[in-house]
Amino acid sequence: MPLYKTITPNSQTTVKIWKISESYADLFQSVILKSNSLERVLGMKSEMHQRGFLSVRKLLEEFGYTDADLFYDENGKPHLKDGKQISITHSFNFSAVIISDLIIGIDIEKQRDKINIIAHKFIDYEFDYLNENDKNYIKKLTTIWCVKESLYKLYAKPGLSFKKHCLVIPFSIKDDETVAWIDYKTKKHRYNIHFLEFEGFTCAYAMA
């Protein structure tokens, strides 16, 4: 499938989302990979991960980049050779890339009830305003996970904890935005958050 959605939150930032309907073979034949990317994708045991990896390269093409323009640092954070900021995510049959002049992070997750089982592992402060009887409870948990994952990708510092160091202020699903903080060691950082839902998935992206 072609591009699913394009979002332009500001003049410096663009988000592109891909719905992965193509087969692995079709995706593989449609992209040009550098040698280490080829080695990575051939070594993946899950076809879903292979298709996610390749769909991200299709998104790069939508931005006018190639796989050769992308590299990763020692913390696993992606970078572009021209110095633009980039963050990448994929979950099941969706992938997304955000590119900006600003520091950014993005995450997509499928909304699933089982997130309630692990909520205690990534939520602390947020339990003060969450209500298990809220019809949007699972959606809110998923949004908080996405926000904290996007913060983690944005900050890219070893030892950062979703539960201890990332805080998401109260929000409503219909608002599509909130504010989050990273409180890590001696520093506090505030980030603007946007989020959206589509086809049972949540996507959140953070911007400095």
Foldseek 3Di string as FASTA:
>chain_A
DPWDDWDDPDPFKIKTKRFQPDFLVVLVVPADADDVLVVVLVPDPDRQVSSQSSVVQVVCVVVVHHNVQWDADPLRAIAGVVGWHKEWEDDRRMIMMMTGNFQKFKYKDFQDPCLVVCLVQQADVCVVPADPPPPCRSVVSQVLVGVLRTVCSSVSDPPFGNHPFKAWDDDDLVVQWGKMWGDPDPDIDIWIKGWDDDPRMIMMMTTD
